Amino acid sequence: MKIVSLTMLIALITVGVSARADHTSLPEGVTPIAATWLWGHHAIPGTISKDGLPYVYAYPHTDPKRIINPPWTEVAARHVKVGAKAPAIVMLHGCSGLIRGGVGYRQLLLEEGFAVFEPDAYARPGHSCDSSSAVKRRMEADYALDRLRELSWIDQDRVVLMGFSEGGSAVALRDEPGFAAHVIIMAPAKSAGPGGVPILSIAGAEDIYAKPRTYHAIASSSVDGSKAVLIADQGHDVLAHPEFKAALRQFLRERFQ
């Protein structure tokens, strides 16, 4: 296992753009949906850590038998100040898998004081990005939310569901309550979440997968709390764009700070 300080984020970025767990089997007692949580990337912000530094947890996929010995949540909890709590983001990745460096969102979320939980869909044996994967991705979000409810260092009233590309589509399809807000990135926009929770939708104006017309419709309507942002001259990848970062930061600050 690895618990690394924020300075290691640079090293994670240089290793590669994305990471996929190539699992054909799982340790005894670990279900496919549990594997997405256990092999995910997780981070705690410096606002709740004992030494004031953020920590990123990424379990190496080369030793699956050690995935629950000890569980990453037990290791992470050792870094959390007694009584401290942080809001949280559950992030669903796209078809390319987990982005090791998290360019454009992970460091920003940590700076805003959010713990970040990124399930790994490819930890599920046989996972593929196809028309049937949206339901499975929604299951990842539900499982992650259940696990977050067990963590005393998470502010349970400020848990946000966020996803990009295929993960963003899964967020848009989720109609069950449980999250305080939804963030859809590089996927078709939605005007309101279950129970009227606010939604931030962000995409490039040239992104055919995001169906920009829906963004124009939401932007021109008076949807309470929700917002749609189209970034001019951008295609499907906006995660490192300054306008993406500014819109995400503003949305989170207006609602959770």
Protein backbone atom coordinates (compact mmCIF):
# COMPACT_ATOMS: atom_id res chain seq x y z
CA MET A 1 0.00 0.00 0.00
CA LYS A 2 1.03 3.61 -0.36
CA ILE A 3 0.16 6.68 1.66
CA VAL A 4 2.02 9.56 0.08
CA SER A 5 2.18 13.28 0.66
CA LEU A 6 1.01 15.79 -1.92
CA THR A 7 4.58 16.18 -3.17
CA MET A 8 4.25 12.67 -4.57
CA LEU A 9 1.43 13.77 -6.85
CA ILE A 10 4.05 14.96 -9.33
CA ALA A 11 5.60 11.51 -9.38
CA LEU A 12 2.21 9.92 -9.90
CA ILE A 13 1.58 12.22 -12.85
CA THR A 14 4.86 11.30 -14.52
CA VAL A 15 4.21 7.56 -14.23
CA GLY A 16 1.46 7.72 -16.82
CA VAL A 17 -1.84 9.28 -17.77
CA SER A 18 -4.10 6.51 -16.56
CA ALA A 19 -3.96 3.21 -14.69
CA ARG A 20 -6.02 0.06 -15.09
CA ALA A 21 -6.09 -2.87 -12.75
CA ASP A 22 -5.83 -5.97 -14.93
CA HIS A 23 -7.60 -8.41 -12.63
CA THR A 24 -8.66 -11.88 -13.67
CA SER A 25 -9.40 -13.06 -10.15
CA LEU A 26 -9.92 -11.56 -6.71
CA PRO A 27 -8.79 -12.54 -3.21
CA GLU A 28 -11.15 -14.81 -1.32
CA GLY A 29 -13.98 -12.83 0.23
CA VAL A 30 -13.57 -9.76 -2.03
CA THR A 31 -16.56 -9.20 -4.33
CA PRO A 32 -16.23 -7.44 -7.69
CA ILE A 33 -17.98 -4.31 -6.43
CA ALA A 34 -15.84 -4.26 -3.26
CA ALA A 35 -12.73 -4.49 -5.46
CA THR A 36 -13.62 -1.19 -7.15
CA TRP A 37 -13.47 0.51 -3.75
CA LEU A 38 -10.42 -1.28 -2.36
CA TRP A 39 -8.27 -0.70 -5.45
CA GLY A 40 -9.36 2.88 -5.93
CA HIS A 41 -7.33 6.04 -5.42
CA HIS A 42 -8.20 7.87 -2.22
CA ALA A 43 -6.92 11.09 -0.67
CA ILE A 44 -7.35 13.06 2.53
CA PRO A 45 -6.84 16.84 2.66
CA GLY A 46 -4.32 18.62 4.83
CA THR A 47 -7.17 20.37 6.66
CA ILE A 48 -7.82 17.19 8.68
CA SER A 49 -4.39 15.53 8.74
CA LYS A 50 -2.21 15.54 11.83
CA ASP A 51 0.74 17.20 10.10
CA GLY A 52 -1.27 19.53 7.87
CA LEU A 53 -0.29 17.68 4.70
CA PRO A 54 -2.65 15.97 2.24
CA TYR A 55 -2.14 12.26 1.68
CA VAL A 56 -2.91 10.18 -1.40
CA TYR A 57 -3.54 6.47 -1.08
CA ALA A 58 -3.03 4.18 -4.08
CA TYR A 59 -2.81 0.44 -3.64
CA PRO A 60 -0.37 -1.30 -6.01
CA HIS A 61 -2.22 -3.83 -8.17
CA THR A 62 0.68 -6.27 -8.15
CA ASP A 63 -0.14 -7.80 -4.77
CA PRO A 64 -3.91 -8.39 -4.58
CA LYS A 65 -3.67 -10.73 -1.58
CA ARG A 66 -2.63 -7.83 0.66
CA ILE A 67 -5.49 -5.54 -0.33
CA ILE A 68 -7.29 -5.96 3.00
CA ASN A 69 -4.27 -6.39 5.27
CA PRO A 70 -4.67 -3.75 6.58
CA PRO A 71 -7.52 -1.99 4.77
CA TRP A 72 -6.54 1.43 3.40
CA THR A 73 -9.17 3.18 5.55
CA GLU A 74 -7.37 1.98 8.68
CA VAL A 75 -4.06 3.32 7.40
CA ALA A 76 -5.58 6.64 6.32
CA ALA A 77 -7.30 7.12 9.69
CA ARG A 78 -3.89 7.17 11.39
CA HIS A 79 -3.18 10.47 9.63
CA VAL A 80 -6.47 12.15 10.66
CA LYS A 81 -6.65 14.49 13.65
CA VAL A 82 -8.95 13.32 16.42
CA GLY A 83 -12.43 14.74 15.89
CA ALA A 84 -11.63 16.25 12.50
CA LYS A 85 -14.06 15.93 9.59
CA ALA A 86 -13.86 16.73 5.89
CA PRO A 87 -16.43 16.91 3.10
CA ALA A 88 -15.98 14.27 0.43
CA ILE A 89 -16.11 13.70 -3.31
CA VAL A 90 -16.85 10.33 -4.89
CA MET A 91 -15.31 10.53 -8.37
CA LEU A 92 -16.23 8.09 -11.15
CA HIS A 93 -13.52 7.89 -13.83
CA GLY A 94 -14.00 7.55 -17.59
CA CYS A 95 -13.27 4.70 -20.01
CA SER A 96 -9.53 5.36 -19.80
CA GLY A 97 -9.53 4.40 -16.11
CA LEU A 98 -8.04 6.14 -13.12
CA ILE A 99 -5.88 9.15 -13.87
CA ARG A 100 -2.81 8.73 -11.70
CA GLY A 101 -1.96 12.38 -11.30
CA GLY A 102 -5.56 13.56 -11.28
CA VAL A 103 -4.65 16.57 -13.43
CA GLY A 104 -7.32 19.24 -13.10
CA TYR A 105 -9.34 17.90 -10.21
CA ARG A 106 -7.64 15.90 -7.43
CA GLN A 107 -5.23 18.59 -6.25
CA LEU A 108 -7.95 21.24 -6.60
CA LEU A 109 -10.35 19.19 -4.46
CA LEU A 110 -7.69 18.63 -1.81
CA GLU A 111 -6.95 22.36 -1.75
CA GLU A 112 -10.66 22.98 -1.18
CA GLY A 113 -10.59 20.66 1.84
CA PHE A 114 -12.37 17.66 0.29
CA ALA A 115 -11.42 14.03 0.79
CA VAL A 116 -11.40 12.33 -2.62
CA PHE A 117 -12.54 8.75 -3.26
CA GLU A 118 -12.06 7.31 -6.76
CA PRO A 119 -13.31 3.74 -7.27
CA ASP A 120 -11.49 1.71 -9.92
CA ALA A 121 -14.00 0.13 -12.32
CA TYR A 122 -11.22 -1.91 -13.92
CA ALA A 123 -10.56 -3.71 -10.64
CA ARG A 124 -13.72 -5.66 -11.45
CA PRO A 125 -12.66 -8.73 -13.46
CA GLY A 126 -13.81 -8.48 -17.07
CA HIS A 127 -14.92 -4.84 -16.87
CA SER A 128 -15.24 -3.10 -20.20
CA CYS A 129 -16.51 0.29 -21.29
CA ASP A 130 -19.71 -0.55 -23.15
CA SER A 131 -23.44 0.12 -23.21
CA SER A 132 -24.04 -2.02 -20.12
CA SER A 133 -21.39 -0.40 -17.92
CA ALA A 134 -23.48 2.56 -16.74
CA VAL A 135 -25.48 0.41 -14.31
CA LYS A 136 -22.29 -1.08 -12.87
CA ARG A 137 -20.76 2.38 -12.46
CA ARG A 138 -23.82 3.51 -10.51
CA MET A 139 -23.30 0.49 -8.24
CA GLU A 140 -19.77 1.75 -7.60
CA ALA A 141 -21.18 5.06 -6.41
CA ASP A 142 -23.70 3.36 -4.11
CA TYR A 143 -21.06 1.07 -2.64
CA ALA A 144 -18.66 3.96 -2.09
CA LEU A 145 -21.38 5.98 -0.36
CA ASP A 146 -22.13 3.07 1.99
CA ARG A 147 -18.42 2.82 2.86
CA LEU A 148 -18.18 6.58 3.46
CA ARG A 149 -21.05 6.33 5.94
CA GLU A 150 -18.74 4.18 8.07
CA LEU A 151 -15.98 6.81 8.29
CA SER A 152 -16.22 9.12 11.31
CA TRP A 153 -13.85 11.64 9.69
CA ILE A 154 -16.21 12.38 6.79
CA ASP A 155 -18.81 15.18 7.05
CA GLN A 156 -21.84 13.13 6.05
CA ASP A 157 -23.88 16.19 5.06
CA ARG A 158 -21.31 17.26 2.45
CA VAL A 159 -20.72 14.25 0.20
CA VAL A 160 -20.72 15.01 -3.54
CA LEU A 161 -20.95 12.61 -6.49
CA MET A 162 -18.76 13.57 -9.45
CA GLY A 163 -17.85 11.83 -12.71
CA PHE A 164 -16.26 12.49 -16.07
CA SER A 165 -16.92 10.97 -19.51
CA GLU A 166 -18.43 7.51 -18.93
CA GLY A 167 -18.41 8.23 -15.21
CA GLY A 168 -20.24 11.50 -15.84
CA SER A 169 -22.92 9.64 -17.77
CA ALA A 170 -23.34 7.30 -14.80
CA VAL A 171 -23.79 10.31 -12.51
CA ALA A 172 -26.44 11.76 -14.85
CA LEU A 173 -28.35 8.47 -14.79
CA ARG A 174 -28.36 8.17 -11.00
CA ASP A 175 -31.76 9.11 -9.59
CA GLU A 176 -31.36 7.77 -6.06
CA PRO A 177 -30.90 10.22 -3.16
CA GLY A 178 -27.84 10.25 -0.93
CA PHE A 179 -25.43 12.86 -2.29
CA ALA A 180 -25.55 16.59 -1.51
CA ALA A 181 -24.73 17.57 -5.11
CA HIS A 182 -23.77 16.05 -8.45
CA VAL A 183 -21.02 17.14 -10.85
CA ILE A 184 -21.17 15.92 -14.46
CA ILE A 185 -18.07 16.44 -16.61
CA MET A 186 -17.69 15.69 -20.32
CA ALA A 187 -21.11 14.00 -20.46
CA PRO A 188 -24.72 15.03 -21.22
CA ALA A 189 -25.96 17.68 -18.79
CA LYS A 190 -28.89 17.35 -16.40
CA SER A 191 -30.93 20.14 -14.83
CA ALA A 192 -31.50 18.67 -11.36
CA GLY A 193 -30.58 15.63 -9.35
CA PRO A 194 -32.76 13.39 -7.14
CA GLY A 195 -34.69 15.43 -4.62
CA GLY A 196 -33.68 18.60 -6.42
CA VAL A 197 -30.00 18.44 -5.45
CA PRO A 198 -27.93 20.94 -7.48
CA ILE A 199 -25.91 19.78 -10.46
CA LEU A 200 -22.87 21.35 -12.08
CA SER A 201 -22.34 20.19 -15.68
CA ILE A 202 -19.12 21.09 -17.52
CA ALA A 203 -18.07 20.18 -21.05
CA GLY A 204 -16.25 21.47 -24.09
CA ALA A 205 -18.38 23.29 -26.65
CA GLU A 206 -17.01 20.96 -29.35
CA ASP A 207 -17.61 17.77 -27.39
CA ILE A 208 -20.10 15.71 -29.41
CA TYR A 209 -20.42 13.13 -26.63
CA ALA A 210 -21.68 15.74 -24.17
CA LYS A 211 -24.50 16.94 -26.45
CA PRO A 212 -23.85 20.69 -26.08
CA ARG A 213 -27.49 21.54 -26.89
CA THR A 214 -28.53 20.32 -23.45
CA TYR A 215 -25.99 22.69 -21.89
CA HIS A 216 -27.45 25.65 -23.76
CA ALA A 217 -30.96 24.69 -22.61
CA ILE A 218 -29.96 24.52 -18.95
CA ALA A 219 -27.85 27.68 -19.11
CA SER A 220 -30.80 29.64 -20.53
CA SER A 221 -33.32 28.37 -17.97
CA SER A 222 -33.81 29.30 -14.32
CA VAL A 223 -32.90 26.00 -12.68
CA ASP A 224 -32.43 26.64 -8.98
CA GLY A 225 -28.93 25.70 -7.85
CA SER A 226 -27.84 23.93 -11.03
CA LYS A 227 -25.45 25.29 -13.62
CA ALA A 228 -24.19 24.24 -17.05
CA VAL A 229 -20.81 25.46 -18.34
CA LEU A 230 -19.58 25.07 -21.91
CA ILE A 231 -15.90 25.80 -22.48
CA ALA A 232 -15.35 27.40 -25.86
CA ASP A 233 -13.17 25.69 -28.49
CA GLN A 234 -12.71 22.59 -26.34
CA GLY A 235 -13.44 18.98 -27.22
CA HIS A 236 -13.85 15.99 -24.93
CA ASP A 237 -10.96 16.65 -22.53
CA VAL A 238 -11.40 19.65 -20.22
CA LEU A 239 -9.97 18.35 -16.92
CA ALA A 240 -6.87 20.53 -17.01
CA HIS A 241 -8.58 23.63 -18.43
CA PRO A 242 -8.54 26.77 -16.19
CA GLU A 243 -12.23 27.43 -16.85
CA PHE A 244 -13.10 23.93 -15.66
CA LYS A 245 -11.14 24.46 -12.47
CA ALA A 246 -12.71 27.87 -11.83
CA ALA A 247 -16.27 26.61 -12.36
CA LEU A 248 -15.75 23.59 -10.10
CA ARG A 249 -14.13 25.63 -7.35
CA GLN A 250 -16.92 28.24 -7.44
CA PHE A 251 -19.68 25.61 -7.32
CA LEU A 252 -18.16 23.87 -4.31
CA ARG A 253 -17.46 27.08 -2.39
CA GLU A 254 -20.95 28.48 -2.94
CA ARG A 255 -22.58 25.33 -1.54
CA PHE A 256 -20.20 23.78 0.96
CA GLN A 257 -18.11 26.52 2.55
